[in-house]
Protein backbone atom coordinates (compact mmCIF):
# COMPACT_ATOMS: atom_id res chain seq x y z
CA MET A 1 -43.10 36.50 8.70
CA SER A 2 -40.96 39.38 7.60
CA LEU A 3 -38.72 39.34 4.55
CA ILE A 4 -35.56 39.44 6.65
CA ALA A 5 -36.74 36.44 8.68
CA LYS A 6 -37.54 34.51 5.48
CA LEU A 7 -34.11 35.32 4.01
CA THR A 8 -32.39 34.30 7.23
CA LEU A 9 -34.33 31.03 7.38
CA GLY A 10 -33.67 30.29 3.70
CA SER A 11 -29.97 31.05 3.93
CA SER A 12 -29.58 28.96 7.10
CA ILE A 13 -31.37 26.02 5.41
CA ILE A 14 -29.18 26.34 2.32
CA LEU A 15 -26.04 26.65 4.46
CA SER A 16 -27.01 23.64 6.56
CA ALA A 17 -27.76 21.55 3.47
CA GLY A 18 -24.43 22.59 1.96
CA ILE A 19 -22.56 21.59 5.11
CA VAL A 20 -24.32 18.20 5.26
CA TYR A 21 -23.55 17.59 1.58
CA TYR A 22 -19.90 18.56 2.06
CA VAL A 23 -19.51 16.28 5.09
CA HIS A 24 -20.96 13.31 3.21
CA TYR A 25 -18.83 14.06 0.16
CA LYS A 26 -15.69 14.35 2.31
CA GLN A 27 -16.49 11.07 4.14
CA ASN A 28 -16.88 9.22 0.85
CA LEU A 29 -13.66 10.73 -0.46
CA ASP A 30 -11.76 9.77 2.71
CA ARG A 31 -13.22 6.25 2.67
CA THR A 32 -12.16 5.81 -0.95
CA SER A 33 -8.64 7.07 -0.31
CA LEU A 34 -8.29 4.80 2.74
CA HIS A 35 -9.40 1.82 0.69
CA GLU A 36 -6.92 2.70 -2.05
CA GLY A 37 -4.21 2.87 0.62
CA VAL A 38 -5.07 -0.66 1.75
CA LEU A 39 -4.90 -1.89 -1.84
CA ARG A 40 -1.50 -0.19 -2.31
CA ASP A 41 -0.23 -1.82 0.89
CA ILE A 42 -1.36 -5.25 -0.27
CA GLU A 43 0.32 -4.71 -3.63
CA ARG A 44 3.51 -3.51 -1.92
CA GLN A 45 3.50 -6.60 0.31
CA LYS A 46 3.11 -8.86 -2.71
CA ARG A 47 5.95 -7.09 -4.48
CA ARG A 48 8.22 -7.36 -1.42
CA ARG A 49 7.35 -11.02 -1.02
CA ALA A 50 8.26 -11.67 -4.65
CA GLU A 51 11.53 -9.74 -4.27
CA ASN A 52 12.36 -11.66 -1.09
CA LEU A 53 11.66 -14.98 -2.79
CA TYR A 54 13.89 -13.96 -5.68
CA MET A 55 16.68 -12.93 -3.31
CA LEU A 56 16.27 -16.18 -1.37
CA GLN A 57 16.54 -18.19 -4.57
CA GLN A 58 19.67 -16.26 -5.53
CA GLN A 59 21.17 -16.98 -2.11
CA ILE A 60 20.34 -20.68 -2.47
CA ASP A 61 21.96 -20.76 -5.91
CA LEU A 62 25.04 -18.95 -4.62
CA SER A 63 25.29 -21.33 -1.68
CA LYS A 64 25.12 -24.32 -4.00
CA GLU A 65 27.78 -22.80 -6.21
CA LEU A 66 30.01 -22.09 -3.21
CA LYS A 67 29.63 -25.64 -1.89
CA LYS A 68 30.37 -26.99 -5.33
CA ASN A 69 33.51 -24.85 -5.55
CA GLN A 70 34.61 -25.85 -2.07
CA LEU A 71 34.18 -29.54 -2.91
CA SER A 72 36.19 -29.17 -6.09
CA VAL A 73 38.94 -27.30 -4.20
CA MET A 74 38.99 -30.01 -1.53
CA GLU A 75 39.13 -32.76 -4.15
CA ASP A 76 41.96 -30.94 -5.93
CA GLY A 77 43.80 -30.67 -2.61
CA ASN A 78 43.32 -34.38 -1.89
CA ASN A 79 44.51 -35.39 -5.35
CA SER A 80 47.77 -33.44 -5.02
């Protein structure tokens, strides 16, 4: 086998190995980033759920306060 053939074979083997390594590295990187995205989405959903529960509780409290005020206004109107 000539020197040029050996160099061509060696460089093609090295290039092929480099491509395979890069593809595996990129797949692992993509898989990790996708998994992190799922975790961020779950955390965002938990945060939104907590915010919604807080807003719901505020609405319930405001409704109670409004009903209480309406009752007191009605009682004041009936007493007059």
